[in-house]
């Protein structure tokens, strides 16, 4: 009996995570991005399947470039997948790229690097239109001290201090290739400006970016010196780091694969 050829399809999806309990399916019928995507695929193809993502994002965290893949027997031409899926998805989820990849491609295991971006609005007033994607810090911060603190993050380190105790990982060693702080122009009408902490690494532990940001904010507030970031790393103790920054400022910016990753 003839059967359609199975294809492995890789997709890139952007989403506003405000209304969702993270990316990954959760017990108790909680609303997640994964469930929305799988339901849209089933509605389109009739196939009930599980997708594989490059990694999970927590409740309230957003993504510009989350990657996932799945195998399908559907004969839908690859160039029609994005429009067809988006027609069945909520407006806060948009599939923006679809391509056929080798059967051995795995969104998580094949990933080489990831970039996360955390956005803070510093100053008198928040931007009401971006309030779900920016953490508002009303007081001034020492941006240069925070930039200096970021220098200690770059390289291969044991990031135990910047990892939630809830992690299931057995190794805490990760490599951060780039860590930078980018400021947007000051907005007179708001009396504030946004800045972005951007981290690119081989991988990230549970809450790692948010704990790094929470600790850097303490540096910006003058509560600890820039050099303390290095001391926190060496301590390998979560108690030495700062608080976990709020989820809504975090965005999974991009995932890189073979021949896509930039140089160190």
C-alpha atoms as a PDB file:
ATOM      1  CA  UNK A   1       0.000   0.000   0.000  1.00  0.00           C
ATOM      2  CA  UNK A   2       1.394   3.378  -1.019  1.00  0.00           C
ATOM      3  CA  UNK A   3       2.127   5.837   1.781  1.00  0.00           C
ATOM      4  CA  UNK A   4       3.218   9.484   1.453  1.00  0.00           C
ATOM      5  CA  UNK A   5       6.886  10.211   2.059  1.00  0.00           C
ATOM      6  CA  UNK A   6       7.561  11.455   5.587  1.00  0.00           C
ATOM      7  CA  UNK A   7       9.157  14.905   5.744  1.00  0.00           C
ATOM      8  CA  UNK A   8      10.922  16.646   8.614  1.00  0.00           C
ATOM      9  CA  UNK A   9       9.795  20.278   8.713  1.00  0.00           C
ATOM     10  CA  UNK A  10      11.578  23.017  10.629  1.00  0.00           C
ATOM     11  CA  UNK A  11       9.686  26.170  11.503  1.00  0.00           C
ATOM     12  CA  UNK A  12      10.506  29.484  13.141  1.00  0.00           C
ATOM     13  CA  UNK A  13       7.790  31.045  15.281  1.00  0.00           C
ATOM     14  CA  UNK A  14       7.426  34.420  16.996  1.00  0.00           C
ATOM     15  CA  UNK A  15       5.071  34.866  19.921  1.00  0.00           C
ATOM     16  CA  UNK A  16       3.971  37.217  22.656  1.00  0.00           C
ATOM     17  CA  UNK A  17       4.073  34.970  25.709  1.00  0.00           C
ATOM     18  CA  UNK A  18       1.921  37.200  27.929  1.00  0.00           C
ATOM     19  CA  UNK A  19      -1.209  35.048  27.795  1.00  0.00           C
ATOM     20  CA  UNK A  20       0.537  31.660  27.946  1.00  0.00           C
ATOM     21  CA  UNK A  21       1.934  29.344  30.587  1.00  0.00           C
ATOM     22  CA  UNK A  22       5.215  28.983  28.713  1.00  0.00           C
ATOM     23  CA  UNK A  23       6.071  27.140  25.527  1.00  0.00           C
ATOM     24  CA  UNK A  24       5.982  23.523  26.654  1.00  0.00           C
ATOM     25  CA  UNK A  25       2.809  21.508  27.236  1.00  0.00           C
ATOM     26  CA  UNK A  26       1.844  21.541  30.927  1.00  0.00           C
ATOM     27  CA  UNK A  27      -0.335  19.247  33.031  1.00  0.00           C
ATOM     28  CA  UNK A  28      -3.765  20.527  33.946  1.00  0.00           C
ATOM     29  CA  UNK A  29      -4.717  21.829  30.483  1.00  0.00           C
ATOM     30  CA  UNK A  30      -2.813  25.080  30.963  1.00  0.00           C
ATOM     31  CA  UNK A  31      -2.599  27.233  27.833  1.00  0.00           C
ATOM     32  CA  UNK A  32       0.807  26.901  26.147  1.00  0.00           C
ATOM     33  CA  UNK A  33       2.404  27.815  22.826  1.00  0.00           C
ATOM     34  CA  UNK A  34       3.154  24.159  22.033  1.00  0.00           C
ATOM     35  CA  UNK A  35      -0.486  23.183  22.442  1.00  0.00           C
ATOM     36  CA  UNK A  36      -1.621  26.005  20.173  1.00  0.00           C
ATOM     37  CA  UNK A  37       0.819  24.977  17.444  1.00  0.00           C
ATOM     38  CA  UNK A  38      -0.003  21.271  17.658  1.00  0.00           C
ATOM     39  CA  UNK A  39      -3.732  21.988  17.520  1.00  0.00           C
ATOM     40  CA  UNK A  40      -3.256  24.205  14.449  1.00  0.00           C
ATOM     41  CA  UNK A  41      -1.219  21.488  12.713  1.00  0.00           C
ATOM     42  CA  UNK A  42      -3.862  18.869  13.536  1.00  0.00           C
ATOM     43  CA  UNK A  43      -6.620  21.138  12.221  1.00  0.00           C
ATOM     44  CA  UNK A  44      -4.645  21.623   8.999  1.00  0.00           C
ATOM     45  CA  UNK A  45      -3.439  18.070   8.349  1.00  0.00           C
ATOM     46  CA  UNK A  46      -5.523  15.772  10.528  1.00  0.00           C
ATOM     47  CA  UNK A  47      -2.300  14.522  12.164  1.00  0.00           C
ATOM     48  CA  UNK A  48      -2.056  14.458  15.951  1.00  0.00           C
ATOM     49  CA  UNK A  49       1.654  14.884  16.616  1.00  0.00           C
ATOM     50  CA  UNK A  50       4.221  16.315  19.019  1.00  0.00           C
ATOM     51  CA  UNK A  51       6.569  19.083  17.975  1.00  0.00           C
ATOM     52  CA  UNK A  52      10.145  19.436  19.234  1.00  0.00           C
ATOM     53  CA  UNK A  53      11.368  22.921  20.152  1.00  0.00           C
ATOM     54  CA  UNK A  54      14.867  24.364  20.559  1.00  0.00           C
ATOM     55  CA  UNK A  55      14.031  24.872  24.233  1.00  0.00           C
ATOM     56  CA  UNK A  56      11.262  25.868  26.582  1.00  0.00           C
ATOM     57  CA  UNK A  57      10.375  29.409  27.548  1.00  0.00           C
ATOM     58  CA  UNK A  58       8.672  30.169  30.873  1.00  0.00           C
ATOM     59  CA  UNK A  59       5.260  31.718  31.429  1.00  0.00           C
ATOM     60  CA  UNK A  60       5.256  35.321  30.221  1.00  0.00           C
ATOM     61  CA  UNK A  61       8.504  34.999  28.223  1.00  0.00           C
ATOM     62  CA  UNK A  62       8.398  35.908  24.532  1.00  0.00           C
ATOM     63  CA  UNK A  63      10.181  34.710  21.402  1.00  0.00           C
ATOM     64  CA  UNK A  64      11.214  36.397  18.196  1.00  0.00           C
ATOM     65  CA  UNK A  65      12.873  33.279  16.763  1.00  0.00           C
ATOM     66  CA  UNK A  66      11.846  30.062  18.520  1.00  0.00           C
ATOM     67  CA  UNK A  67      12.561  27.017  16.325  1.00  0.00           C
ATOM     68  CA  UNK A  68      10.632  23.750  16.305  1.00  0.00           C
ATOM     69  CA  UNK A  69      10.384  20.722  14.049  1.00  0.00           C
ATOM     70  CA  UNK A  70       8.085  17.788  13.423  1.00  0.00           C
ATOM     71  CA  UNK A  71       7.657  14.932  10.956  1.00  0.00           C
ATOM     72  CA  UNK A  72       4.598  14.796   8.742  1.00  0.00           C
ATOM     73  CA  UNK A  73       3.089  12.810   5.900  1.00  0.00           C
ATOM     74  CA  UNK A  74       1.141  15.861   4.726  1.00  0.00           C
ATOM     75  CA  UNK A  75       1.546  16.762   1.055  1.00  0.00           C
ATOM     76  CA  UNK A  76       1.025  20.485   1.645  1.00  0.00           C
ATOM     77  CA  UNK A  77       3.728  22.361  -0.324  1.00  0.00           C
ATOM     78  CA  UNK A  78       6.325  23.815   2.016  1.00  0.00           C
ATOM     79  CA  UNK A  79       5.736  27.364   0.751  1.00  0.00           C
ATOM     80  CA  UNK A  80       2.100  27.238   1.919  1.00  0.00           C
ATOM     81  CA  UNK A  81       2.644  26.094   5.487  1.00  0.00           C
ATOM     82  CA  UNK A  82       3.160  29.483   7.144  1.00  0.00           C
ATOM     83  CA  UNK A  83       0.048  31.126   5.752  1.00  0.00           C
ATOM     84  CA  UNK A  84      -2.067  28.033   6.351  1.00  0.00           C
ATOM     85  CA  UNK A  85      -0.971  27.641   9.991  1.00  0.00           C
ATOM     86  CA  UNK A  86      -1.223  31.331  10.815  1.00  0.00           C
ATOM     87  CA  UNK A  87      -4.838  31.280   9.688  1.00  0.00           C
ATOM     88  CA  UNK A  88      -5.605  28.892  12.547  1.00  0.00           C
ATOM     89  CA  UNK A  89      -3.463  30.515  15.243  1.00  0.00           C
ATOM     90  CA  UNK A  90      -4.179  33.323  17.675  1.00  0.00           C
ATOM     91  CA  UNK A  91      -2.860  36.728  16.621  1.00  0.00           C
ATOM     92  CA  UNK A  92      -0.096  36.636  19.239  1.00  0.00           C
ATOM     93  CA  UNK A  93       1.582  33.631  17.547  1.00  0.00           C
ATOM     94  CA  UNK A  94       3.055  33.902  14.035  1.00  0.00           C
ATOM     95  CA  UNK A  95       4.933  31.162  12.155  1.00  0.00           C
ATOM     96  CA  UNK A  96       7.319  33.097   9.924  1.00  0.00           C
ATOM     97  CA  UNK A  97       9.479  30.456   8.259  1.00  0.00           C
ATOM     98  CA  UNK A  98       9.067  26.828   7.164  1.00  0.00           C
ATOM     99  CA  UNK A  99      11.601  24.596   5.456  1.00  0.00           C
ATOM    100  CA  UNK A 100      12.260  20.915   4.826  1.00  0.00           C
ATOM    101  CA  UNK A 101      15.314  19.642   6.703  1.00  0.00           C
ATOM    102  CA  UNK A 102      17.139  16.285   6.881  1.00  0.00           C
ATOM    103  CA  UNK A 103      15.443  13.619   8.993  1.00  0.00           C
ATOM    104  CA  UNK A 104      18.257  13.759  11.564  1.00  0.00           C
ATOM    105  CA  UNK A 105      17.624  17.462  12.301  1.00  0.00           C
ATOM    106  CA  UNK A 106      16.489  18.022  15.904  1.00  0.00           C
ATOM    107  CA  UNK A 107      15.584  21.549  16.994  1.00  0.00           C
ATOM    108  CA  UNK A 108      17.179  21.210  20.427  1.00  0.00           C
ATOM    109  CA  UNK A 109      20.095  18.807  19.886  1.00  0.00           C
ATOM    110  CA  UNK A 110      21.136  20.388  16.565  1.00  0.00           C
ATOM    111  CA  UNK A 111      21.215  23.935  17.961  1.00  0.00           C
ATOM    112  CA  UNK A 112      24.699  25.490  18.196  1.00  0.00           C
ATOM    113  CA  UNK A 113      23.977  28.849  19.789  1.00  0.00           C
ATOM    114  CA  UNK A 114      21.093  30.868  21.187  1.00  0.00           C
ATOM    115  CA  UNK A 115      20.609  34.568  21.716  1.00  0.00           C
ATOM    116  CA  UNK A 116      18.364  35.998  24.428  1.00  0.00           C
ATOM    117  CA  UNK A 117      17.475  39.653  24.873  1.00  0.00           C
ATOM    118  CA  UNK A 118      16.200  41.221  28.088  1.00  0.00           C
ATOM    119  CA  UNK A 119      14.652  44.688  27.846  1.00  0.00           C
ATOM    120  CA  UNK A 120      14.508  47.231  30.670  1.00  0.00           C
ATOM    121  CA  UNK A 121      12.867  50.658  30.501  1.00  0.00           C
ATOM    122  CA  UNK A 122      14.704  53.035  32.799  1.00  0.00           C
ATOM    123  CA  UNK A 123      13.201  56.335  33.890  1.00  0.00           C
ATOM    124  CA  UNK A 124      10.087  58.066  35.089  1.00  0.00           C
ATOM    125  CA  UNK A 125       7.348  56.470  32.972  1.00  0.00           C
ATOM    126  CA  UNK A 126       6.849  53.075  31.317  1.00  0.00           C
ATOM    127  CA  UNK A 127       5.792  52.782  27.686  1.00  0.00           C
ATOM    128  CA  UNK A 128       2.176  51.649  27.953  1.00  0.00           C
ATOM    129  CA  UNK A 129       2.320  50.060  24.493  1.00  0.00           C
ATOM    130  CA  UNK A 130       5.366  47.933  25.362  1.00  0.00           C
ATOM    131  CA  UNK A 131       4.532  47.194  28.984  1.00  0.00           C
ATOM    132  CA  UNK A 132       4.260  43.434  28.372  1.00  0.00           C
ATOM    133  CA  UNK A 133       7.776  43.253  26.907  1.00  0.00           C
ATOM    134  CA  UNK A 134       9.789  45.715  29.010  1.00  0.00           C
ATOM    135  CA  UNK A 135      10.627  45.607  32.699  1.00  0.00           C
ATOM    136  CA  UNK A 136      10.187  49.128  34.062  1.00  0.00           C
ATOM    137  CA  UNK A 137      12.855  50.419  36.453  1.00  0.00           C
ATOM    138  CA  UNK A 138      11.871  53.947  37.549  1.00  0.00           C
ATOM    139  CA  UNK A 139      15.217  54.981  39.055  1.00  0.00           C
ATOM    140  CA  UNK A 140      18.440  55.761  37.198  1.00  0.00           C
ATOM    141  CA  UNK A 141      21.011  53.012  36.700  1.00  0.00           C
ATOM    142  CA  UNK A 142      24.767  53.055  36.164  1.00  0.00           C
ATOM    143  CA  UNK A 143      24.847  51.638  32.632  1.00  0.00           C
ATOM    144  CA  UNK A 144      28.634  51.638  32.327  1.00  0.00           C
ATOM    145  CA  UNK A 145      28.991  49.661  35.563  1.00  0.00           C
ATOM    146  CA  UNK A 146      26.538  47.121  34.197  1.00  0.00           C
ATOM    147  CA  UNK A 147      28.511  46.872  30.946  1.00  0.00           C
ATOM    148  CA  UNK A 148      31.655  46.282  32.993  1.00  0.00           C
ATOM    149  CA  UNK A 149      29.889  43.545  34.939  1.00  0.00           C
ATOM    150  CA  UNK A 150      28.866  41.806  31.720  1.00  0.00           C
ATOM    151  CA  UNK A 151      32.541  41.300  30.833  1.00  0.00           C
ATOM    152  CA  UNK A 152      32.818  38.657  33.558  1.00  0.00           C
ATOM    153  CA  UNK A 153      30.021  36.616  31.999  1.00  0.00           C
ATOM    154  CA  UNK A 154      31.807  36.035  28.672  1.00  0.00           C
ATOM    155  CA  UNK A 155      33.626  32.727  28.272  1.00  0.00           C
ATOM    156  CA  UNK A 156      33.218  29.175  29.519  1.00  0.00           C
ATOM    157  CA  UNK A 157      32.151  29.091  33.163  1.00  0.00           C
ATOM    158  CA  UNK A 158      30.318  27.046  35.729  1.00  0.00           C
ATOM    159  CA  UNK A 159      27.081  29.061  35.996  1.00  0.00           C
ATOM    160  CA  UNK A 160      25.755  27.350  39.157  1.00  0.00           C
ATOM    161  CA  UNK A 161      25.339  30.756  40.802  1.00  0.00           C
ATOM    162  CA  UNK A 162      23.084  31.927  37.983  1.00  0.00           C
ATOM    163  CA  UNK A 163      20.830  28.891  37.847  1.00  0.00           C
ATOM    164  CA  UNK A 164      17.541  28.096  39.575  1.00  0.00           C
ATOM    165  CA  UNK A 165      17.623  25.323  42.158  1.00  0.00           C
ATOM    166  CA  UNK A 166      14.766  23.754  40.184  1.00  0.00           C
ATOM    167  CA  UNK A 167      17.038  22.818  37.272  1.00  0.00           C
ATOM    168  CA  UNK A 168      17.366  19.168  36.263  1.00  0.00           C
ATOM    169  CA  UNK A 169      20.725  19.620  34.517  1.00  0.00           C
ATOM    170  CA  UNK A 170      23.745  17.702  35.798  1.00  0.00           C
ATOM    171  CA  UNK A 171      26.352  20.049  34.282  1.00  0.00           C
ATOM    172  CA  UNK A 172      26.336  23.794  34.918  1.00  0.00           C
ATOM    173  CA  UNK A 173      29.150  24.617  32.488  1.00  0.00           C
ATOM    174  CA  UNK A 174      28.097  26.827  29.592  1.00  0.00           C
ATOM    175  CA  UNK A 175      29.897  29.156  27.180  1.00  0.00           C
ATOM    176  CA  UNK A 176      28.737  32.731  26.663  1.00  0.00           C
ATOM    177  CA  UNK A 177      30.185  34.026  23.389  1.00  0.00           C
ATOM    178  CA  UNK A 178      28.878  37.575  23.579  1.00  0.00           C
ATOM    179  CA  UNK A 179      27.322  39.741  26.290  1.00  0.00           C
ATOM    180  CA  UNK A 180      26.398  43.342  25.548  1.00  0.00           C
ATOM    181  CA  UNK A 181      24.154  46.164  26.699  1.00  0.00           C
ATOM    182  CA  UNK A 182      22.524  48.308  23.998  1.00  0.00           C
ATOM    183  CA  UNK A 183      20.732  51.581  24.801  1.00  0.00           C
ATOM    184  CA  UNK A 184      17.895  53.083  22.775  1.00  0.00           C
ATOM    185  CA  UNK A 185      17.570  56.887  22.508  1.00  0.00           C
ATOM    186  CA  UNK A 186      16.047  58.806  25.430  1.00  0.00           C
ATOM    187  CA  UNK A 187      12.331  59.501  24.909  1.00  0.00           C
ATOM    188  CA  UNK A 188      11.472  62.979  26.163  1.00  0.00           C
ATOM    189  CA  UNK A 189       7.717  62.464  26.316  1.00  0.00           C
ATOM    190  CA  UNK A 190       8.109  59.451  28.598  1.00  0.00           C
ATOM    191  CA  UNK A 191      11.127  60.661  30.536  1.00  0.00           C
ATOM    192  CA  UNK A 192      12.680  57.234  30.048  1.00  0.00           C
ATOM    193  CA  UNK A 193      14.642  55.034  27.663  1.00  0.00           C
ATOM    194  CA  UNK A 194      14.928  51.324  26.971  1.00  0.00           C
ATOM    195  CA  UNK A 195      18.088  49.264  27.061  1.00  0.00           C
ATOM    196  CA  UNK A 196      18.652  45.650  26.086  1.00  0.00           C
ATOM    197  CA  UNK A 197      20.939  43.068  27.678  1.00  0.00           C
ATOM    198  CA  UNK A 198      21.843  40.630  24.896  1.00  0.00           C
ATOM    199  CA  UNK A 199      23.487  37.275  25.611  1.00  0.00           C
ATOM    200  CA  UNK A 200      24.608  34.711  23.040  1.00  0.00           C
ATOM    201  CA  UNK A 201      25.779  31.332  24.281  1.00  0.00           C
ATOM    202  CA  UNK A 202      26.096  27.633  23.623  1.00  0.00           C
ATOM    203  CA  UNK A 203      23.088  27.090  25.850  1.00  0.00           C
ATOM    204  CA  UNK A 204      21.435  28.489  28.969  1.00  0.00           C
ATOM    205  CA  UNK A 205      20.418  26.985  32.291  1.00  0.00           C
ATOM    206  CA  UNK A 206      16.975  27.363  33.858  1.00  0.00           C
ATOM    207  CA  UNK A 207      16.438  31.075  34.691  1.00  0.00           C
ATOM    208  CA  UNK A 208      20.096  31.800  33.893  1.00  0.00           C
ATOM    209  CA  UNK A 209      19.473  34.959  31.846  1.00  0.00           C
ATOM    210  CA  UNK A 210      16.923  36.336  34.305  1.00  0.00           C
ATOM    211  CA  UNK A 211      19.244  35.800  37.293  1.00  0.00           C
ATOM    212  CA  UNK A 212      22.148  37.441  35.448  1.00  0.00           C
ATOM    213  CA  UNK A 213      19.888  40.421  34.697  1.00  0.00           C
ATOM    214  CA  UNK A 214      18.643  40.613  38.300  1.00  0.00           C
ATOM    215  CA  UNK A 215      22.243  40.666  39.536  1.00  0.00           C
ATOM    216  CA  UNK A 216      23.288  43.281  36.967  1.00  0.00           C
ATOM    217  CA  UNK A 217      20.430  45.516  38.029  1.00  0.00           C
ATOM    218  CA  UNK A 218      21.878  45.479  41.540  1.00  0.00           C
ATOM    219  CA  UNK A 219      25.183  46.598  40.022  1.00  0.00           C
ATOM    220  CA  UNK A 220      23.352  49.395  38.197  1.00  0.00           C
ATOM    221  CA  UNK A 221      21.681  50.432  41.451  1.00  0.00           C
ATOM    222  CA  UNK A 222      25.059  50.642  43.216  1.00  0.00           C
ATOM    223  CA  UNK A 223      24.231  47.771  45.574  1.00  0.00           C
ATOM    224  CA  UNK A 224      27.273  45.770  44.456  1.00  0.00           C
ATOM    225  CA  UNK A 225      30.406  46.559  42.382  1.00  0.00           C
ATOM    226  CA  UNK A 226      30.887  45.339  38.815  1.00  0.00           C
ATOM    227  CA  UNK A 227      33.663  43.008  39.969  1.00  0.00           C
ATOM    228  CA  UNK A 228      31.180  41.175  42.158  1.00  0.00           C
ATOM    229  CA  UNK A 229      29.816  39.437  39.049  1.00  0.00           C
ATOM    230  CA  UNK A 230      33.124  37.559  38.799  1.00  0.00           C
ATOM    231  CA  UNK A 231      33.034  36.743  42.503  1.00  0.00           C
ATOM    232  CA  UNK A 232      29.483  35.405  42.189  1.00  0.00           C
ATOM    233  CA  UNK A 233      30.557  33.142  39.321  1.00  0.00           C
ATOM    234  CA  UNK A 234      33.480  31.767  41.348  1.00  0.00           C
ATOM    235  CA  UNK A 235      31.254  31.118  44.376  1.00  0.00           C
ATOM    236  CA  UNK A 236      29.086  28.585  42.476  1.00  0.00           C
ATOM    237  CA  UNK A 237      26.220  29.362  44.832  1.00  0.00           C
ATOM    238  CA  UNK A 238      22.769  30.667  43.890  1.00  0.00           C
ATOM    239  CA  UNK A 239      22.646  32.529  47.217  1.00  0.00           C
ATOM    240  CA  UNK A 240      25.453  34.846  46.080  1.00  0.00           C
ATOM    241  CA  UNK A 241      23.574  36.124  43.026  1.00  0.00           C
ATOM    242  CA  UNK A 242      20.762  38.654  42.842  1.00  0.00           C
ATOM    243  CA  UNK A 243      17.031  38.102  42.353  1.00  0.00           C
ATOM    244  CA  UNK A 244      15.446  36.530  39.292  1.00  0.00           C
ATOM    245  CA  UNK A 245      14.304  39.333  36.982  1.00  0.00           C
ATOM    246  CA  UNK A 246      10.657  39.418  35.896  1.00  0.00           C
ATOM    247  CA  UNK A 247       9.748  37.092  33.025  1.00  0.00           C
ATOM    248  CA  UNK A 248       8.052  39.619  30.747  1.00  0.00           C
ATOM    249  CA  UNK A 249      11.277  41.461  29.865  1.00  0.00           C
ATOM    250  CA  UNK A 250      12.854  38.341  28.350  1.00  0.00           C
ATOM    251  CA  UNK A 251      12.759  37.272  24.699  1.00  0.00           C
ATOM    252  CA  UNK A 252      14.331  34.307  22.922  1.00  0.00           C
ATOM    253  CA  UNK A 253      15.823  36.286  20.076  1.00  0.00           C
ATOM    254  CA  UNK A 254      17.421  33.738  17.746  1.00  0.00           C
ATOM    255  CA  UNK A 255      18.612  30.139  17.514  1.00  0.00           C
ATOM    256  CA  UNK A 256      21.607  29.263  15.329  1.00  0.00           C
ATOM    257  CA  UNK A 257      22.359  25.944  13.645  1.00  0.00           C
ATOM    258  CA  UNK A 258      25.242  24.532  11.610  1.00  0.00           C
ATOM    259  CA  UNK A 259      26.513  27.076   9.050  1.00  0.00           C
ATOM    260  CA  UNK A 260      24.292  29.750  10.640  1.00  0.00           C
ATOM    261  CA  UNK A 261      26.140  30.543  13.848  1.00  0.00           C
ATOM    262  CA  UNK A 262      28.271  33.723  13.757  1.00  0.00           C
ATOM    263  CA  UNK A 263      31.931  33.577  14.670  1.00  0.00           C
ATOM    264  CA  UNK A 264      33.028  33.928  18.312  1.00  0.00           C
END
